[in-house]
Amino acid sequence: MKRFLAGATMAALLAVPAQAQDADTVLATVNGTEITLGHLIAMQALLPDQYRQLPDQTLFEGMLEQLVQQEVLAGQAQEIMTERMTLGLENEERAFLAAAMMDDVAMAELSEEELQAEYDRVYGSAEPAQEYNASHILVETEAEAQALVEELEGGADFAELAQQHSTGPSGPNGGLLGWFTAGMMVPSFEEAVFTLEEGEISAPVETQFGWHVILLNESRLQDAPALDDVRAELTQELRRARVDARVAELTSEAEIDRSDLEGFDMSLIRDMDLLTN
């Protein structure tokens, strides 16, 4: 917010009886236009979190100062309204009302039954995913990789060799990559991992990063997550679906007459000279 903390005291503007504190309470009057407590409440609801976390007095004074300054400027602007300003104001009003409508639809209460049904739809028939825990040593040439395989077959410690020779970021950690599923690694690397038994070491594997020697540490089947683990994700998806459905419903019911745009010069959207006054 521009000049949010203007620093000016608002005490001179305020003459609010202690008992009259509702949304219609007038906090300031600018050239005959009242600024009320309701205006501040509506304003703070749309503020970014960093501003809403300010102390009440700081937030109050900053918002009121900004609204006073905006009213001063808006009153002056109304005397010199141009076509560009009028159209921009219409766009801003349209966008605000549409956003308020979407928020009202999206934030309506979700029942536990709705969440459970969405969970069952997404995860109810999901097959357990195979997960792999592997380590690797990355070197530049096939010959280097083959030499490492021979050392490992002779009893060398994989983690120590990774720390000594691997050029990959996991080298200092003994080459450990952690758990991953299909699609998370490059194809040739995955193909090699999928053929290994636990504790088995691969032959040299080439990828665009170089040559790898891979150790499959462990594999497991990962069941579908619990509802509580994906509650936030499912809630977001349900809210988005509600908005999409409502927009589609209202659009289908609206009388929309689209102009024939065949041959229309769409580059004209950049021509500010068309807004002449």
Protein backbone atom coordinates (compact mmCIF):
# COMPACT_ATOMS: atom_id res chain seq x y z
CA MET A 1 0.00 0.00 0.00
CA LYS A 2 1.46 3.29 -1.08
CA ARG A 3 2.26 5.61 1.83
CA PHE A 4 0.40 3.23 4.14
CA LEU A 5 2.27 4.47 7.16
CA ALA A 6 2.05 8.15 6.39
CA GLY A 7 2.87 9.04 9.96
CA ALA A 8 0.31 11.83 10.20
CA THR A 9 -1.87 11.77 13.28
CA MET A 10 -5.59 11.49 12.64
CA ALA A 11 -6.73 12.83 16.00
CA ALA A 12 -7.87 16.13 14.52
CA LEU A 13 -10.15 14.32 12.07
CA LEU A 14 -11.88 12.19 14.65
CA ALA A 15 -14.90 13.18 16.67
CA VAL A 16 -16.40 9.79 17.41
CA PRO A 17 -18.60 9.39 20.48
CA ALA A 18 -17.50 6.37 22.51
CA GLN A 19 -20.99 4.85 22.34
CA ALA A 20 -21.37 5.20 18.54
CA GLN A 21 -19.14 2.50 17.19
CA ASP A 22 -20.80 0.57 14.38
CA ALA A 23 -20.11 0.29 10.65
CA ASP A 24 -21.84 3.62 10.01
CA THR A 25 -19.64 5.50 12.47
CA VAL A 26 -18.16 8.48 10.63
CA LEU A 27 -14.41 8.78 11.13
CA ALA A 28 -13.70 11.65 8.76
CA THR A 29 -15.47 13.87 6.24
CA VAL A 30 -13.64 15.03 3.13
CA ASN A 31 -15.32 17.73 1.07
CA GLY A 32 -18.69 16.47 2.21
CA THR A 33 -17.96 12.74 1.67
CA GLU A 34 -18.05 10.57 4.78
CA ILE A 35 -15.45 7.90 5.54
CA THR A 36 -16.89 5.38 7.98
CA LEU A 37 -15.70 2.53 10.14
CA GLY A 38 -17.29 0.24 7.57
CA HIS A 39 -14.92 1.55 4.91
CA LEU A 40 -11.93 0.64 7.09
CA ILE A 41 -13.31 -2.82 7.88
CA ALA A 42 -13.82 -3.55 4.18
CA MET A 43 -10.35 -2.21 3.39
CA GLN A 44 -8.49 -4.28 5.99
CA ALA A 45 -10.20 -7.47 4.81
CA LEU A 46 -8.38 -7.12 1.49
CA LEU A 47 -4.97 -6.19 2.87
CA PRO A 48 -1.93 -8.47 2.48
CA ASP A 49 -1.07 -10.42 5.63
CA GLN A 50 1.96 -8.27 6.48
CA TYR A 51 -0.30 -5.25 6.93
CA ARG A 52 -3.10 -7.06 8.74
CA GLN A 53 -0.59 -8.17 11.38
CA LEU A 54 0.21 -4.57 12.33
CA PRO A 55 -0.98 -3.24 15.72
CA ASP A 56 -4.58 -2.02 15.67
CA GLN A 57 -3.70 1.64 16.17
CA THR A 58 -1.07 1.62 13.43
CA LEU A 59 -3.42 -0.16 11.06
CA PHE A 60 -6.33 2.14 11.88
CA GLU A 61 -4.36 5.35 11.45
CA GLY A 62 -2.65 4.19 8.29
CA MET A 63 -5.86 3.07 6.58
CA LEU A 64 -7.77 6.18 7.55
CA GLU A 65 -4.98 8.43 6.31
CA GLN A 66 -4.90 6.55 3.02
CA LEU A 67 -8.67 6.75 2.55
CA VAL A 68 -8.61 10.48 3.27
CA GLN A 69 -5.86 11.01 0.71
CA GLN A 70 -7.64 8.81 -1.83
CA GLU A 71 -10.88 10.77 -1.40
CA VAL A 72 -9.02 14.05 -1.91
CA LEU A 73 -7.47 12.74 -5.12
CA ALA A 74 -10.64 11.00 -6.33
CA GLY A 75 -12.67 14.14 -5.86
CA GLN A 76 -10.20 16.06 -7.98
CA ALA A 77 -10.10 13.32 -10.61
CA GLN A 78 -13.88 13.36 -11.00
CA GLU A 79 -13.59 16.91 -12.30
CA ILE A 80 -11.27 15.83 -15.11
CA MET A 81 -12.66 12.38 -15.98
CA THR A 82 -11.34 11.06 -19.28
CA GLU A 83 -12.62 8.13 -21.31
CA ARG A 84 -9.60 6.11 -20.21
CA MET A 85 -10.37 6.81 -16.54
CA THR A 86 -14.07 5.97 -16.97
CA LEU A 87 -13.33 2.66 -18.68
CA GLY A 88 -10.66 1.80 -16.15
CA LEU A 89 -13.09 2.47 -13.31
CA GLU A 90 -15.67 0.18 -14.93
CA ASN A 91 -13.05 -2.56 -15.24
CA GLU A 92 -12.01 -2.17 -11.60
CA GLU A 93 -15.62 -2.35 -10.40
CA ARG A 94 -16.29 -5.42 -12.56
CA ALA A 95 -13.16 -7.18 -11.30
CA PHE A 96 -13.91 -6.39 -7.65
CA LEU A 97 -17.48 -7.65 -7.85
CA ALA A 98 -16.45 -10.81 -9.70
CA ALA A 99 -13.73 -11.53 -7.12
CA ALA A 100 -16.17 -10.97 -4.26
CA MET A 101 -18.65 -13.34 -5.87
CA MET A 102 -16.00 -16.03 -6.39
CA ASP A 103 -14.82 -15.67 -2.81
CA ASP A 104 -18.38 -16.00 -1.52
CA VAL A 105 -18.89 -19.20 -3.52
CA ALA A 106 -15.49 -20.69 -2.74
CA MET A 107 -15.51 -20.04 0.99
CA ALA A 108 -18.94 -21.50 1.72
CA GLU A 109 -18.65 -24.22 4.35
CA LEU A 110 -17.44 -27.63 3.21
CA SER A 111 -18.93 -30.62 4.99
CA GLU A 112 -16.96 -33.63 6.13
CA GLU A 113 -19.10 -35.71 3.77
CA GLU A 114 -17.98 -33.63 0.79
CA LEU A 115 -14.33 -34.00 1.76
CA GLN A 116 -14.70 -37.75 2.27
CA ALA A 117 -16.41 -38.12 -1.11
CA GLU A 118 -13.62 -36.18 -2.83
CA TYR A 119 -11.00 -38.28 -1.02
CA ASP A 120 -12.72 -41.47 -2.17
CA ARG A 121 -12.89 -40.17 -5.74
CA VAL A 122 -9.20 -39.25 -5.87
CA TYR A 123 -7.64 -41.97 -3.74
CA GLY A 124 -10.28 -44.66 -3.33
CA SER A 125 -9.17 -46.77 -6.29
CA ALA A 126 -5.53 -45.72 -6.29
CA GLU A 127 -3.05 -48.57 -6.43
CA PRO A 128 -0.18 -48.49 -3.91
CA ALA A 129 2.84 -46.77 -5.46
CA GLN A 130 6.22 -48.49 -5.53
CA GLU A 131 8.88 -46.31 -3.93
CA TYR A 132 12.63 -46.68 -4.16
CA ASN A 133 15.44 -45.54 -1.90
CA ALA A 134 18.72 -45.44 -3.81
CA SER A 135 22.24 -44.04 -3.69
CA HIS A 136 24.50 -43.26 -6.62
CA ILE A 137 27.99 -42.21 -7.56
CA LEU A 138 28.25 -39.82 -10.51
CA VAL A 139 31.45 -39.62 -12.55
CA GLU A 140 32.38 -38.30 -16.00
CA THR A 141 33.38 -41.46 -17.88
CA GLU A 142 32.28 -45.06 -18.24
CA ALA A 143 35.77 -46.22 -17.36
CA GLU A 144 35.63 -44.39 -14.02
CA ALA A 145 32.23 -45.89 -13.31
CA GLN A 146 33.40 -49.41 -14.17
CA ALA A 147 36.43 -49.04 -11.90
CA LEU A 148 34.10 -48.08 -9.04
CA VAL A 149 31.90 -51.13 -9.71
CA GLU A 150 34.98 -53.35 -9.42
CA GLU A 151 35.99 -51.70 -6.14
CA LEU A 152 32.50 -52.22 -4.76
CA GLU A 153 32.49 -55.85 -5.83
CA GLY A 154 35.76 -56.16 -3.92
CA GLY A 155 34.11 -54.99 -0.72
CA ALA A 156 34.61 -51.20 -0.79
CA ASP A 157 32.10 -49.06 1.10
CA PHE A 158 29.61 -47.36 -1.26
CA ALA A 159 29.13 -44.22 0.85
CA GLU A 160 32.89 -43.68 1.20
CA LEU A 161 33.43 -44.01 -2.55
CA ALA A 162 30.58 -41.59 -3.22
CA GLN A 163 32.12 -39.04 -0.87
CA GLN A 164 35.50 -39.43 -2.55
CA HIS A 165 34.53 -39.59 -6.22
CA SER A 166 30.96 -38.47 -6.92
CA THR A 167 30.54 -35.15 -8.76
CA GLY A 168 26.84 -34.99 -7.92
CA PRO A 169 25.34 -32.90 -5.10
CA SER A 170 24.53 -36.04 -3.11
CA GLY A 171 28.20 -37.06 -2.97
CA PRO A 172 28.97 -35.52 0.43
CA ASN A 173 25.98 -37.41 1.81
CA GLY A 174 27.33 -40.74 0.60
CA GLY A 175 25.36 -40.56 -2.64
CA LEU A 176 22.00 -40.97 -0.87
CA LEU A 177 19.05 -39.80 -3.01
CA GLY A 178 16.24 -40.70 -0.63
CA TRP A 179 12.81 -42.02 -1.64
CA PHE A 180 11.37 -41.50 -5.11
CA THR A 181 8.71 -42.97 -7.37
CA ALA A 182 8.42 -43.56 -11.12
CA GLY A 183 8.68 -40.37 -13.14
CA MET A 184 10.90 -38.48 -10.69
CA MET A 185 14.24 -39.49 -12.21
CA VAL A 186 15.52 -39.49 -15.80
CA PRO A 187 14.36 -42.59 -17.74
CA SER A 188 17.66 -44.48 -18.07
CA PHE A 189 18.40 -44.00 -14.37
CA GLU A 190 14.94 -45.23 -13.38
CA GLU A 191 15.11 -48.23 -15.68
CA ALA A 192 18.32 -49.34 -14.01
CA VAL A 193 16.87 -48.87 -10.51
CA PHE A 194 13.73 -50.84 -11.34
CA THR A 195 15.75 -53.91 -12.30
CA LEU A 196 17.82 -54.00 -9.09
CA GLU A 197 17.22 -56.08 -5.99
CA GLU A 198 17.67 -54.47 -2.59
CA GLY A 199 21.39 -54.18 -1.83
CA GLU A 200 22.36 -54.77 -5.47
CA ILE A 201 24.72 -52.47 -7.40
CA SER A 202 24.14 -51.59 -11.06
CA ALA A 203 26.48 -51.68 -14.00
CA PRO A 204 27.51 -48.20 -15.23
CA VAL A 205 24.44 -46.20 -16.35
CA GLU A 206 24.70 -43.22 -18.69
CA THR A 207 22.46 -40.14 -18.45
CA GLN A 208 22.84 -36.56 -19.66
CA PHE A 209 24.62 -35.83 -16.37
CA GLY A 210 27.36 -38.41 -16.78
CA TRP A 211 27.89 -42.01 -15.69
CA HIS A 212 26.24 -43.47 -12.58
CA VAL A 213 26.84 -46.43 -10.34
CA ILE A 214 23.59 -47.09 -8.44
CA LEU A 215 22.86 -48.92 -5.20
CA LEU A 216 19.25 -49.81 -4.40
CA ASN A 217 19.03 -49.48 -0.63
CA GLU A 218 15.36 -50.34 -0.15
CA SER A 219 11.97 -50.44 -1.87
CA ARG A 220 8.44 -50.38 -0.53
CA LEU A 221 4.78 -50.00 -1.45
CA GLN A 222 3.39 -46.63 -0.43
CA ASP A 223 -0.32 -46.68 0.40
CA ALA A 224 -2.66 -43.78 -0.32
CA PRO A 225 -2.30 -40.90 2.16
CA ALA A 226 -4.74 -40.49 5.03
CA LEU A 227 -7.55 -37.98 4.61
CA ASP A 228 -6.06 -35.59 7.16
CA ASP A 229 -2.74 -35.60 5.29
CA VAL A 230 -4.40 -34.28 2.11
CA ARG A 231 -7.25 -32.31 3.67
CA ALA A 232 -5.84 -28.91 2.67
CA GLU A 233 -5.19 -30.06 -0.91
CA LEU A 234 -8.68 -31.55 -1.29
CA THR A 235 -10.31 -28.47 0.25
CA GLN A 236 -8.54 -26.23 -2.25
CA GLU A 237 -9.62 -28.41 -5.16
CA LEU A 238 -13.23 -28.53 -3.99
CA ARG A 239 -13.35 -24.77 -3.61
CA ARG A 240 -11.89 -24.29 -7.08
CA ALA A 241 -14.41 -26.75 -8.52
CA ARG A 242 -17.26 -24.86 -6.85
CA VAL A 243 -16.17 -21.60 -8.46
CA ASP A 244 -15.72 -23.21 -11.88
CA ALA A 245 -19.16 -24.81 -11.68
CA ARG A 246 -20.83 -21.57 -10.60
CA VAL A 247 -19.11 -19.56 -13.34
CA ALA A 248 -20.19 -22.14 -15.93
CA GLU A 249 -23.77 -22.09 -14.59
CA LEU A 250 -24.07 -18.31 -14.61
CA THR A 251 -22.44 -18.06 -18.04
CA SER A 252 -24.86 -20.59 -19.50
CA GLU A 253 -27.81 -18.63 -18.09
CA ALA A 254 -26.56 -15.20 -19.21
CA GLU A 255 -27.59 -13.51 -22.44
CA ILE A 256 -24.24 -13.16 -24.20
CA ASP A 257 -24.06 -11.76 -27.70
CA ARG A 258 -20.53 -11.94 -29.07
CA SER A 259 -19.65 -9.79 -32.06
CA ASP A 260 -18.35 -11.32 -35.27
CA LEU A 261 -14.58 -10.79 -34.97
CA GLU A 262 -13.60 -12.16 -38.36
CA GLY A 263 -11.02 -9.81 -39.79
CA PHE A 264 -10.86 -7.74 -36.60
CA ASP A 265 -7.44 -6.18 -35.96
CA MET A 266 -6.64 -7.49 -32.49
CA SER A 267 -3.47 -5.39 -32.27
CA LEU A 268 -5.76 -2.41 -31.61
CA ILE A 269 -5.85 -3.35 -27.92
CA ARG A 270 -2.46 -1.62 -27.67
CA ASP A 271 -3.52 1.62 -29.37
CA MET A 272 -3.91 4.14 -26.55
CA ASP A 273 -4.61 6.88 -29.09
CA LEU A 274 -8.12 5.47 -29.48
CA LEU A 275 -8.89 6.80 -25.99
CA THR A 276 -8.62 10.36 -27.11
CA ASN A 277 -10.25 12.41 -24.39
